[in-house]
N, C-alpha and C. Protein backbone atom coordinates (compact mmCIF):
# COMPACT_ATOMS: atom_id res chain seq x y z
N MET A 1 196.58 103.94 69.28
CA MET A 1 195.54 104.19 69.14
C MET A 1 195.66 105.73 69.42
N ASN A 2 195.14 106.68 68.34
CA ASN A 2 195.11 108.25 68.38
C ASN A 2 193.01 108.85 68.96
N SER A 3 193.18 108.15 70.04
CA SER A 3 191.97 108.85 70.19
C SER A 3 192.04 109.31 71.47
N SER A 4 190.83 110.14 71.84
CA SER A 4 191.09 111.19 72.48
C SER A 4 191.29 110.44 74.02
N TYR A 5 191.07 109.43 74.19
CA TYR A 5 191.19 108.60 75.92
C TYR A 5 192.48 108.07 75.55
N SER A 6 193.48 108.00 74.85
CA SER A 6 194.45 107.00 74.80
C SER A 6 195.56 108.11 75.70
N LEU A 7 196.35 107.55 76.87
CA LEU A 7 197.02 108.34 77.21
C LEU A 7 198.31 108.20 77.32
N ALA A 8 198.92 109.19 77.48
CA ALA A 8 200.25 109.39 76.93
C ALA A 8 201.45 108.58 77.44
N PRO A 9 202.75 108.14 77.20
CA PRO A 9 203.50 107.19 77.49
C PRO A 9 204.00 107.07 78.65
N GLU A 10 203.84 108.10 79.75
CA GLU A 10 204.08 108.50 80.81
C GLU A 10 203.01 108.34 81.72
N MET A 11 201.99 108.69 81.48
CA MET A 11 200.77 108.52 81.57
C MET A 11 200.74 107.01 82.01
N ILE A 12 200.24 106.29 81.21
CA ILE A 12 200.63 104.87 81.99
C ILE A 12 201.10 104.20 82.26
N GLU A 13 202.43 104.67 82.73
CA GLU A 13 203.42 104.05 83.89
C GLU A 13 202.77 104.96 85.09
N GLU A 14 202.07 106.07 84.86
CA GLU A 14 202.14 106.69 86.27
C GLU A 14 200.93 105.56 86.89
N GLU A 15 199.65 105.36 85.60
CA GLU A 15 198.88 104.84 86.07
C GLU A 15 198.99 103.47 86.78
N THR A 16 200.17 102.72 86.02
CA THR A 16 200.50 101.40 86.17
C THR A 16 201.11 101.09 87.60
N SER A 17 201.51 102.51 87.55
CA SER A 17 202.05 102.29 89.67
C SER A 17 200.75 102.49 90.30
N LEU A 18 199.98 103.77 90.02
CA LEU A 18 198.91 103.50 90.97
C LEU A 18 198.20 102.19 90.97
N ILE A 19 197.98 101.31 90.10
CA ILE A 19 197.38 100.10 90.34
C ILE A 19 197.98 98.92 90.79
N GLU A 20 199.13 99.24 90.70
CA GLU A 20 200.43 97.85 91.66
C GLU A 20 200.11 98.43 93.02
N ALA A 21 200.32 99.46 93.08
CA ALA A 21 200.59 100.31 94.66
C ALA A 21 199.00 99.67 95.18
N ALA A 22 197.60 100.36 94.50
CA ALA A 22 196.52 99.89 95.29
C ALA A 22 196.44 98.15 95.29
N LYS A 23 197.01 97.34 94.41
CA LYS A 23 196.90 96.23 94.83
C LYS A 23 197.40 95.73 95.77
N ARG A 24 198.83 96.36 96.49
CA ARG A 24 199.43 96.04 97.46
C ARG A 24 198.23 96.80 98.97
N ASP A 25 197.78 97.88 98.66
CA ASP A 25 197.16 98.79 99.87
C ASP A 25 196.03 99.64 99.39
N LEU A 26 194.79 98.91 99.09
CA LEU A 26 193.53 99.38 98.71
C LEU A 26 193.29 100.84 98.92
N THR A 27 194.18 101.44 99.74
CA THR A 27 193.81 102.91 100.15
C THR A 27 194.41 103.82 98.60
N ALA A 28 195.34 102.86 98.35
CA ALA A 28 196.22 103.44 97.18
C ALA A 28 195.10 103.74 95.86
N PHE A 29 194.18 103.43 96.33
CA PHE A 29 193.07 103.66 94.80
C PHE A 29 192.65 104.86 95.12
N GLU A 30 192.71 105.35 95.76
CA GLU A 30 191.94 106.86 95.73
C GLU A 30 191.76 107.29 94.44
N PRO A 31 193.60 107.83 94.29
CA PRO A 31 193.50 109.01 92.61
C PRO A 31 192.84 108.13 91.76
N LEU A 32 193.27 106.73 91.30
CA LEU A 32 192.28 106.26 90.50
C LEU A 32 190.84 106.44 90.26
N TYR A 33 190.32 106.50 91.96
CA TYR A 33 188.74 106.61 92.04
C TYR A 33 188.50 108.11 91.33
N GLN A 34 189.09 108.67 91.75
CA GLN A 34 189.35 110.19 91.38
C GLN A 34 189.41 110.44 89.54
N ARG A 35 190.42 109.76 89.24
CA ARG A 35 190.69 110.27 87.98
C ARG A 35 189.20 109.64 87.22
N TYR A 36 188.94 108.47 87.69
CA TYR A 36 187.72 107.77 86.70
C TYR A 36 186.07 108.06 87.07
N MET A 37 185.95 108.13 88.33
CA MET A 37 184.33 108.32 89.21
C MET A 37 183.40 109.10 88.16
N VAL A 38 184.16 110.17 87.59
CA VAL A 38 183.10 111.39 87.01
C VAL A 38 182.49 110.39 85.64
N ARG A 39 183.54 109.90 84.99
CA ARG A 39 183.24 109.30 83.47
C ARG A 39 182.45 108.17 83.48
N ILE A 40 182.96 107.37 84.85
CA ILE A 40 181.83 106.43 85.11
C ILE A 40 180.25 106.82 85.28
N TYR A 41 180.31 107.48 86.32
CA TYR A 41 178.98 107.69 86.74
C TYR A 41 178.23 108.75 85.44
N HIS A 42 179.04 109.29 84.77
CA HIS A 42 177.60 109.57 83.18
C HIS A 42 177.66 108.63 82.67
N TYR A 43 178.88 107.60 82.29
CA TYR A 43 178.04 106.68 81.10
C TYR A 43 177.20 106.19 82.28
N LEU A 44 176.58 105.87 83.42
CA LEU A 44 175.68 105.12 83.90
C LEU A 44 175.00 105.63 84.15
N PHE A 45 174.72 107.40 84.09
CA PHE A 45 173.54 108.23 84.14
C PHE A 45 172.95 107.99 82.73
N LEU A 46 173.86 108.05 82.06
CA LEU A 46 173.20 108.01 80.74
C LEU A 46 172.50 106.53 80.01
N ARG A 47 172.40 105.51 80.92
CA ARG A 47 171.95 104.29 80.64
C ARG A 47 170.25 104.08 81.76
N VAL A 48 170.64 105.03 82.89
CA VAL A 48 169.72 104.45 83.84
C VAL A 48 168.90 105.67 83.81
N GLY A 49 169.53 107.35 83.31
CA GLY A 49 168.72 107.86 83.02
C GLY A 49 167.90 108.82 85.17
N ASN A 50 168.95 108.70 85.75
CA ASN A 50 168.38 109.19 87.43
C ASN A 50 169.61 109.07 87.76
N ALA A 51 170.01 110.07 88.74
CA ALA A 51 171.01 110.65 89.24
C ALA A 51 171.37 109.56 90.61
N GLU A 52 170.18 109.12 91.35
CA GLU A 52 170.30 108.73 92.66
C GLU A 52 171.02 107.24 92.04
N ASP A 53 170.29 107.01 90.91
CA ASP A 53 170.28 105.37 90.64
C ASP A 53 171.86 105.20 89.71
N ALA A 54 172.17 106.10 89.31
CA ALA A 54 174.04 106.39 88.43
C ALA A 54 174.83 106.35 89.62
N ALA A 55 174.60 106.75 90.76
CA ALA A 55 175.65 107.10 91.86
C ALA A 55 175.89 105.97 92.58
N ASP A 56 174.55 105.37 93.14
CA ASP A 56 174.63 103.80 93.34
C ASP A 56 175.18 102.77 92.60
N LEU A 57 175.00 102.93 90.94
CA LEU A 57 175.90 102.27 90.37
C LEU A 57 177.21 102.01 90.15
N THR A 58 177.45 103.41 90.57
CA THR A 58 179.07 103.87 90.45
C THR A 58 179.93 103.01 91.51
N GLN A 59 179.02 103.70 92.71
CA GLN A 59 179.71 102.70 93.81
C GLN A 59 179.92 101.41 93.57
N GLN A 60 178.88 100.47 92.86
CA GLN A 60 178.49 99.15 92.72
C GLN A 60 179.88 98.62 92.07
N VAL A 61 179.70 99.71 90.95
CA VAL A 61 181.12 99.21 89.96
C VAL A 61 182.74 99.71 90.71
N PHE A 62 182.93 100.37 91.75
CA PHE A 62 184.22 101.01 92.09
C PHE A 62 183.66 99.92 92.94
N LEU A 63 183.08 98.85 93.41
CA LEU A 63 183.35 98.31 94.58
C LEU A 63 183.69 96.67 93.94
N LYS A 64 183.50 96.56 92.77
CA LYS A 64 183.58 95.33 91.88
C LYS A 64 185.05 95.63 91.41
N ALA A 65 185.37 96.71 91.10
CA ALA A 65 187.13 96.78 90.75
C ALA A 65 187.41 96.41 91.58
N LEU A 66 187.46 97.18 93.12
CA LEU A 66 188.22 97.02 94.15
C LEU A 66 188.34 95.60 94.42
N SER A 67 187.58 94.67 94.58
CA SER A 67 187.74 93.30 95.16
C SER A 67 188.61 92.49 93.50
N SER A 68 188.12 93.08 92.83
CA SER A 68 188.85 92.14 91.26
C SER A 68 190.16 92.96 91.26
N LEU A 69 190.28 94.23 91.81
CA LEU A 69 191.90 94.58 91.29
C LEU A 69 193.25 93.58 91.46
N PRO A 70 193.43 92.41 92.57
CA PRO A 70 194.51 91.76 92.53
C PRO A 70 194.15 90.92 91.10
N ASN A 71 193.46 90.77 90.28
CA ASN A 71 192.98 90.11 89.69
C ASN A 71 193.37 90.55 87.55
N TYR A 72 193.69 91.86 88.44
CA TYR A 72 193.70 93.12 86.81
C TYR A 72 194.84 92.51 86.29
N HIS A 73 194.87 92.29 84.98
CA HIS A 73 196.55 92.32 84.12
C HIS A 73 195.98 93.34 82.95
N PRO A 74 196.77 94.29 82.66
CA PRO A 74 196.47 95.25 81.43
C PRO A 74 196.31 94.19 80.47
N ARG A 75 197.09 93.37 80.17
CA ARG A 75 197.53 93.09 78.93
C ARG A 75 196.47 93.80 77.32
N GLY A 76 197.30 94.55 77.50
CA GLY A 76 196.91 95.86 76.06
C GLY A 76 195.84 96.38 76.26
N VAL A 77 195.00 96.15 77.78
CA VAL A 77 193.45 96.94 77.40
C VAL A 77 193.86 97.67 78.38
N PRO A 78 193.90 99.39 78.12
CA PRO A 78 193.82 100.54 79.26
C PRO A 78 192.87 100.19 80.71
N PHE A 79 193.40 100.48 81.99
CA PHE A 79 192.74 100.13 82.93
C PHE A 79 190.76 101.21 83.09
N ALA A 80 190.40 102.02 82.07
CA ALA A 80 189.39 102.55 81.34
C ALA A 80 188.66 101.44 81.58
N ALA A 81 189.10 101.26 80.25
CA ALA A 81 188.08 100.02 79.28
C ALA A 81 187.78 98.93 80.38
N TRP A 82 188.60 98.75 81.31
CA TRP A 82 188.61 97.83 82.49
C TRP A 82 187.02 97.88 83.10
N LEU A 83 187.18 99.41 83.43
CA LEU A 83 186.38 99.81 84.78
C LEU A 83 184.57 100.47 83.84
N PHE A 84 185.49 100.37 82.55
CA PHE A 84 183.72 100.79 81.72
C PHE A 84 183.68 99.44 81.41
N ARG A 85 183.80 98.40 81.14
CA ARG A 85 183.66 96.61 81.41
C ARG A 85 182.76 96.51 82.43
N ILE A 86 183.32 96.55 83.18
CA ILE A 86 182.65 96.40 84.60
C ILE A 86 180.88 97.19 84.69
N ALA A 87 181.41 98.68 84.38
CA ALA A 87 180.10 99.36 84.31
C ALA A 87 179.04 99.12 83.44
N TYR A 88 179.61 98.46 82.24
CA TYR A 88 178.56 97.73 81.02
C TYR A 88 177.67 96.84 81.57
N TYR A 89 178.90 95.58 82.55
CA TYR A 89 177.83 94.61 83.17
C TYR A 89 177.73 94.75 84.44
N THR A 90 177.56 95.87 85.39
CA THR A 90 176.77 96.21 86.07
C THR A 90 175.60 96.78 85.86
N VAL A 91 175.62 97.57 84.81
CA VAL A 91 174.20 98.07 84.47
C VAL A 91 173.48 96.98 83.66
N SER A 92 174.23 96.09 82.84
CA SER A 92 173.23 95.13 82.21
C SER A 92 172.42 94.38 83.33
N ASP A 93 173.41 93.85 84.09
CA ASP A 93 172.29 93.11 85.52
C ASP A 93 171.42 94.08 85.84
N VAL A 94 171.16 95.46 86.04
CA VAL A 94 170.28 95.77 86.29
C VAL A 94 168.62 95.87 85.16
N TYR A 95 169.34 95.90 84.21
CA TYR A 95 168.28 96.09 83.09
C TYR A 95 167.97 94.46 83.37
N ARG A 96 168.58 93.34 83.58
CA ARG A 96 168.09 91.89 83.37
C ARG A 96 167.03 91.98 84.53
N GLN A 97 167.31 92.56 85.59
CA GLN A 97 165.94 92.27 86.47
C GLN A 97 165.37 92.95 86.53
N LYS A 98 165.13 94.05 85.53
CA LYS A 98 163.87 94.90 85.20
C LYS A 98 162.84 94.55 84.40
N VAL A 99 161.51 94.74 84.70
CA VAL A 99 160.66 94.05 83.60
C VAL A 99 160.25 95.64 82.86
N VAL A 100 160.59 95.26 81.87
CA VAL A 100 159.99 96.49 80.52
C VAL A 100 158.69 96.63 80.79
N THR A 101 158.60 97.96 81.35
CA THR A 101 157.03 98.65 81.02
C THR A 101 156.76 100.08 80.20
N ILE A 102 155.95 99.74 79.57
CA ILE A 102 155.87 101.43 78.93
C ILE A 102 154.81 102.66 79.35
N SER A 103 155.12 103.03 80.11
CA SER A 103 154.26 104.53 80.58
C SER A 103 153.12 105.28 79.66
N TRP A 104 152.13 105.39 79.71
CA TRP A 104 151.07 105.37 79.05
C TRP A 104 150.45 107.38 79.68
N ASP A 105 151.47 107.24 80.80
CA ASP A 105 151.14 109.07 81.41
C ASP A 105 151.61 110.10 80.30
N PHE A 106 152.64 110.17 79.51
CA PHE A 106 152.42 111.23 78.28
C PHE A 106 151.77 110.95 77.50
N LEU A 107 150.61 110.73 77.43
CA LEU A 107 149.34 110.54 76.11
C LEU A 107 148.69 111.20 77.07
N SER A 108 147.51 112.22 76.68
CA SER A 108 146.84 112.39 77.18
C SER A 108 145.64 112.32 76.31
N GLN A 109 144.41 111.66 76.86
CA GLN A 109 143.54 111.04 76.32
C GLN A 109 142.46 111.93 75.93
N ASP A 110 142.18 113.17 76.70
CA ASP A 110 141.55 114.12 76.21
C ASP A 110 141.57 114.89 74.68
N ARG A 111 143.21 115.35 75.01
CA ARG A 111 143.89 115.28 73.75
C ARG A 111 143.75 114.79 72.45
N LEU A 112 144.32 113.53 72.67
CA LEU A 112 144.12 112.53 71.94
C LEU A 112 142.65 112.02 71.07
N VAL A 113 141.75 112.36 72.36
CA VAL A 113 140.92 111.88 71.12
C VAL A 113 139.70 112.96 70.63
N ALA A 114 140.62 114.80 71.25
CA ALA A 114 139.86 115.21 70.04
C ALA A 114 141.25 115.76 68.88
N GLU A 115 141.71 115.26 68.89
CA GLU A 115 143.03 115.31 67.78
C GLU A 115 142.79 114.44 66.76
N ILE A 116 142.01 112.98 67.03
CA ILE A 116 142.01 111.60 66.21
C ILE A 116 140.74 111.43 66.38
N ASN A 117 140.53 110.49 65.80
CA ASN A 117 139.24 109.54 65.78
C ASN A 117 139.67 108.58 66.66
N PRO A 118 138.55 107.95 67.26
CA PRO A 118 138.19 107.25 68.14
C PRO A 118 138.81 105.83 67.54
N GLU A 119 138.74 105.55 66.09
CA GLU A 119 139.26 104.13 65.64
C GLU A 119 140.78 104.64 65.55
N LEU A 120 141.35 105.44 64.98
CA LEU A 120 142.81 106.12 64.67
C LEU A 120 143.36 105.37 66.60
N PHE A 121 142.54 105.92 67.07
CA PHE A 121 143.53 106.14 68.53
C PHE A 121 143.38 104.42 69.22
N ALA A 122 142.27 103.65 68.62
CA ALA A 122 141.76 102.48 69.31
C ALA A 122 143.17 101.85 68.55
N ILE A 123 143.57 101.73 66.78
CA ILE A 123 144.77 100.84 66.30
C ILE A 123 146.00 101.32 66.93
N GLN A 124 146.36 103.00 67.11
CA GLN A 124 147.36 102.97 68.11
C GLN A 124 147.63 102.31 68.79
N ARG A 125 147.06 102.56 69.85
CA ARG A 125 146.78 101.95 71.64
C ARG A 125 147.54 100.78 71.76
N GLU A 126 146.76 99.93 70.30
CA GLU A 126 146.89 98.10 70.02
C GLU A 126 148.11 98.13 69.68
N ARG A 127 148.43 99.05 68.44
CA ARG A 127 150.50 98.81 68.25
C ARG A 127 150.88 98.99 69.31
N LEU A 128 150.53 99.98 70.35
CA LEU A 128 151.27 99.95 71.40
C LEU A 128 151.82 99.11 72.13
N THR A 129 150.48 98.32 72.72
CA THR A 129 150.28 96.95 73.68
C THR A 129 151.16 96.27 72.92
N GLN A 130 151.25 96.05 71.42
CA GLN A 130 152.14 94.64 70.67
C GLN A 130 153.49 95.23 70.83
N LEU A 131 154.18 96.14 70.15
CA LEU A 131 155.39 96.90 70.94
C LEU A 131 155.52 96.26 72.20
N ALA A 132 154.85 96.64 73.28
CA ALA A 132 155.68 96.41 74.78
C ALA A 132 155.48 95.00 74.55
N GLN A 133 154.43 93.99 73.94
CA GLN A 133 154.44 92.47 74.40
C GLN A 133 155.84 92.21 73.61
N LEU A 134 156.48 92.43 72.50
CA LEU A 134 157.56 92.08 71.45
C LEU A 134 158.66 92.91 72.78
N LEU A 135 158.62 93.71 72.76
CA LEU A 135 159.99 94.17 73.88
C LEU A 135 159.85 93.44 75.26
N ALA A 136 159.16 92.92 75.35
CA ALA A 136 159.22 91.86 76.85
C ALA A 136 159.75 90.55 76.75
N GLN A 137 159.50 90.14 75.23
CA GLN A 137 160.30 89.58 74.67
C GLN A 137 161.90 89.08 74.60
N LEU A 138 162.05 90.00 74.09
CA LEU A 138 163.58 90.30 73.72
C LEU A 138 164.21 89.97 74.94
N ASP A 139 165.31 89.19 74.77
CA ASP A 139 166.32 89.33 76.12
C ASP A 139 167.22 90.49 76.26
N PRO A 140 167.35 90.65 77.43
CA PRO A 140 167.80 91.59 77.90
C PRO A 140 168.80 92.46 77.36
N TYR A 141 170.18 92.02 76.59
CA TYR A 141 170.89 92.44 76.20
C TYR A 141 170.01 92.99 74.86
N LYS A 142 169.21 92.77 74.11
CA LYS A 142 168.47 93.56 72.83
C LYS A 142 167.91 94.49 73.15
N ARG A 143 167.48 94.35 74.69
CA ARG A 143 166.38 95.87 74.94
C ARG A 143 166.96 96.66 75.57
N GLU A 144 168.59 96.31 75.85
CA GLU A 144 169.29 97.51 76.58
C GLU A 144 169.83 98.36 74.84
N LEU A 145 170.49 97.13 74.08
CA LEU A 145 170.39 97.72 72.62
C LEU A 145 169.21 98.63 72.16
N HIS A 146 168.43 98.28 72.08
CA HIS A 146 166.98 98.93 71.60
C HIS A 146 166.46 100.30 72.17
N LYS A 147 167.00 100.39 73.51
CA LYS A 147 166.38 101.61 74.63
C LYS A 147 167.62 102.23 73.94
N ASN A 148 168.62 102.00 73.87
CA ASN A 148 170.21 102.75 74.04
C ASN A 148 169.91 103.47 72.59
N ASN A 149 169.67 102.38 71.84
CA ASN A 149 169.74 103.28 70.03
C ASN A 149 168.11 104.16 70.03
N GLN A 150 167.39 104.42 70.74
CA GLN A 150 165.88 105.77 70.71
C GLN A 150 166.31 106.85 70.40
């Protein structure tokens, strides 16, 4: 695989050694944490849009990784992919627990009423309400896909 995320053979060997050492002694996990923490944080920040939540989720991801590390076996999948899979499921759990809400704060009613007629305003408001209801009916995975594709 010739992606920008593929590792050179010596890097794979080093990472494998770090993983095996961390399986025996959890304090040896530190270099792996340092290597991937920023990337995991950015991934989560892009999904939740809040630095504090992203930091909390990053901590959860690495705690889950630490607790699951004894069961980790590469099987041709890079360690980074395993971590990102944990991050994906962690943020998916957050979305599953959230109630979909649409904020009307971005709409200035005075500006809208001045720019459009009341009938058109009512139609737009009704469409947004219907959209919110439809989004609330989607399963969490599809809601997340919709949110990420906006």
